[in-house]
Amino acid sequence: MSDEPQPAARPPRRPYFRPASSVPKLSPESAARESQVVRAATERLGLAGAMAFLNADVGLGARPLKLAAASEDGARQVLDLIAVQEPGGDA
């Protein structure tokens, strides 16, 4: 036995569980519409322009990404609006 002090015993580790997300997941159809809109916006407006457009209030009553995910009609409205935007070129 040695006279050196022993390190303090650590309490046992608890397993870490992440709480369930309170944000609902997109359906596969909604995710596909969102993806289509993001791709079209990036091709037409460039990356920075697409990010600004998709997250802004552009007169459709909701953000374009939210509108596109909500319905096929919403996605069509957003795609039509992207088509008439001035092309950007930072892609």
C-alpha atoms as a PDB file:
ATOM      1  CA  MET A   1       0.000   0.000   0.000  1.00  0.00           C
ATOM      2  CA  SER A   2       1.326   3.413  -0.907  1.00  0.00           C
ATOM      3  CA  ASP A   3       0.962   6.707   0.922  1.00  0.00           C
ATOM      4  CA  GLU A   4       0.041   8.564  -2.288  1.00  0.00           C
ATOM      5  CA  PRO A   5      -3.506   9.948  -2.394  1.00  0.00           C
ATOM      6  CA  GLN A   6      -5.841   8.047  -4.667  1.00  0.00           C
ATOM      7  CA  PRO A   7      -7.792   9.996  -7.313  1.00  0.00           C
ATOM      8  CA  ALA A   8     -11.421  10.588  -6.436  1.00  0.00           C
ATOM      9  CA  ALA A   9     -13.751   8.012  -7.898  1.00  0.00           C
ATOM     10  CA  ARG A  10     -15.842   9.367 -10.750  1.00  0.00           C
ATOM     11  CA  PRO A  11     -19.539   8.688 -10.819  1.00  0.00           C
ATOM     12  CA  PRO A  12     -20.552   6.166 -13.469  1.00  0.00           C
ATOM     13  CA  ARG A  13     -21.225   7.652 -16.894  1.00  0.00           C
ATOM     14  CA  ARG A  14     -24.825   7.940 -17.900  1.00  0.00           C
ATOM     15  CA  PRO A  15     -25.773   7.069 -21.427  1.00  0.00           C
ATOM     16  CA  TYR A  16     -26.604  10.156 -23.455  1.00  0.00           C
ATOM     17  CA  PHE A  17     -29.898  10.113 -25.278  1.00  0.00           C
ATOM     18  CA  ARG A  18     -30.852  12.885 -27.631  1.00  0.00           C
ATOM     19  CA  PRO A  19     -34.423  14.066 -27.207  1.00  0.00           C
ATOM     20  CA  ALA A  20     -36.680  13.447 -30.150  1.00  0.00           C
ATOM     21  CA  SER A  21     -36.844  16.342 -32.561  1.00  0.00           C
ATOM     22  CA  SER A  22     -39.964  18.430 -32.331  1.00  0.00           C
ATOM     23  CA  VAL A  23     -39.641  19.403 -36.003  1.00  0.00           C
ATOM     24  CA  PRO A  24     -41.676  17.145 -38.293  1.00  0.00           C
ATOM     25  CA  LYS A  25     -39.747  15.431 -41.073  1.00  0.00           C
ATOM     26  CA  LEU A  26     -40.573  16.120 -44.704  1.00  0.00           C
ATOM     27  CA  SER A  27     -42.406  13.472 -46.660  1.00  0.00           C
ATOM     28  CA  PRO A  28     -40.473  12.034 -49.613  1.00  0.00           C
ATOM     29  CA  GLU A  29     -42.753  13.973 -51.991  1.00  0.00           C
ATOM     30  CA  SER A  30     -42.136  17.267 -50.160  1.00  0.00           C
ATOM     31  CA  ALA A  31     -38.395  16.646 -50.097  1.00  0.00           C
ATOM     32  CA  ALA A  32     -38.405  15.906 -53.840  1.00  0.00           C
ATOM     33  CA  ARG A  33     -40.279  19.156 -54.586  1.00  0.00           C
ATOM     34  CA  GLU A  34     -37.887  21.125 -52.382  1.00  0.00           C
ATOM     35  CA  SER A  35     -34.914  19.529 -54.100  1.00  0.00           C
ATOM     36  CA  GLN A  36     -36.306  20.342 -57.545  1.00  0.00           C
ATOM     37  CA  VAL A  37     -36.829  23.987 -56.577  1.00  0.00           C
ATOM     38  CA  VAL A  38     -33.368  24.325 -55.009  1.00  0.00           C
ATOM     39  CA  ARG A  39     -31.741  22.812 -58.104  1.00  0.00           C
ATOM     40  CA  ALA A  40     -33.665  25.113 -60.463  1.00  0.00           C
ATOM     41  CA  ALA A  41     -32.896  28.202 -58.378  1.00  0.00           C
ATOM     42  CA  THR A  42     -29.195  27.365 -58.137  1.00  0.00           C
ATOM     43  CA  GLU A  43     -28.917  26.773 -61.886  1.00  0.00           C
ATOM     44  CA  ARG A  44     -30.744  30.014 -62.715  1.00  0.00           C
ATOM     45  CA  LEU A  45     -29.530  32.357 -59.962  1.00  0.00           C
ATOM     46  CA  GLY A  46     -26.219  30.916 -58.769  1.00  0.00           C
ATOM     47  CA  LEU A  47     -25.642  29.737 -55.219  1.00  0.00           C
ATOM     48  CA  ALA A  48     -25.808  33.084 -53.413  1.00  0.00           C
ATOM     49  CA  GLY A  49     -28.752  34.287 -55.480  1.00  0.00           C
ATOM     50  CA  ALA A  50     -30.647  31.046 -54.911  1.00  0.00           C
ATOM     51  CA  MET A  51     -30.097  31.180 -51.154  1.00  0.00           C
ATOM     52  CA  ALA A  52     -31.325  34.767 -51.013  1.00  0.00           C
ATOM     53  CA  PHE A  53     -34.340  34.059 -53.224  1.00  0.00           C
ATOM     54  CA  LEU A  54     -35.449  30.842 -51.521  1.00  0.00           C
ATOM     55  CA  ASN A  55     -35.330  32.321 -48.027  1.00  0.00           C
ATOM     56  CA  ALA A  56     -36.897  35.713 -48.822  1.00  0.00           C
ATOM     57  CA  ASP A  57     -40.471  36.908 -48.993  1.00  0.00           C
ATOM     58  CA  VAL A  58     -40.915  37.194 -52.759  1.00  0.00           C
ATOM     59  CA  GLY A  59     -44.628  37.951 -52.831  1.00  0.00           C
ATOM     60  CA  LEU A  60     -45.984  34.403 -52.823  1.00  0.00           C
ATOM     61  CA  GLY A  61     -47.431  34.521 -49.321  1.00  0.00           C
ATOM     62  CA  ALA A  62     -44.709  32.302 -47.844  1.00  0.00           C
ATOM     63  CA  ARG A  63     -41.018  31.601 -48.258  1.00  0.00           C
ATOM     64  CA  PRO A  64     -40.473  29.771 -51.551  1.00  0.00           C
ATOM     65  CA  LEU A  65     -38.974  26.675 -49.887  1.00  0.00           C
ATOM     66  CA  LYS A  66     -41.918  26.311 -47.533  1.00  0.00           C
ATOM     67  CA  LEU A  67     -44.392  26.845 -50.346  1.00  0.00           C
ATOM     68  CA  ALA A  68     -42.669  24.278 -52.576  1.00  0.00           C
ATOM     69  CA  ALA A  69     -42.633  21.660 -49.826  1.00  0.00           C
ATOM     70  CA  ALA A  70     -46.302  22.235 -49.020  1.00  0.00           C
ATOM     71  CA  SER A  71     -47.852  21.291 -52.368  1.00  0.00           C
ATOM     72  CA  GLU A  72     -47.335  20.561 -56.039  1.00  0.00           C
ATOM     73  CA  ASP A  73     -49.098  23.850 -56.905  1.00  0.00           C
ATOM     74  CA  GLY A  74     -46.773  25.741 -54.575  1.00  0.00           C
ATOM     75  CA  ALA A  75     -43.730  24.167 -56.188  1.00  0.00           C
ATOM     76  CA  ARG A  76     -45.067  25.088 -59.644  1.00  0.00           C
ATOM     77  CA  GLN A  77     -45.560  28.731 -58.548  1.00  0.00           C
ATOM     78  CA  VAL A  78     -41.997  28.898 -57.242  1.00  0.00           C
ATOM     79  CA  LEU A  79     -40.549  27.269 -60.378  1.00  0.00           C
ATOM     80  CA  ASP A  80     -42.489  29.704 -62.578  1.00  0.00           C
ATOM     81  CA  LEU A  81     -41.142  32.644 -60.577  1.00  0.00           C
ATOM     82  CA  ILE A  82     -37.572  31.312 -60.776  1.00  0.00           C
ATOM     83  CA  ALA A  83     -37.903  31.066 -64.564  1.00  0.00           C
ATOM     84  CA  VAL A  84     -38.558  34.813 -64.903  1.00  0.00           C
ATOM     85  CA  GLN A  85     -35.708  35.906 -62.602  1.00  0.00           C
ATOM     86  CA  GLU A  86     -32.595  37.511 -64.058  1.00  0.00           C
ATOM     87  CA  PRO A  87     -29.878  34.862 -64.321  1.00  0.00           C
ATOM     88  CA  GLY A  88     -27.025  35.075 -61.832  1.00  0.00           C
ATOM     89  CA  GLY A  89     -23.632  33.572 -62.270  1.00  0.00           C
ATOM     90  CA  ASP A  90     -21.828  32.600 -59.096  1.00  0.00           C
ATOM     91  CA  ALA A  91     -22.460  28.851 -59.457  1.00  0.00           C
END
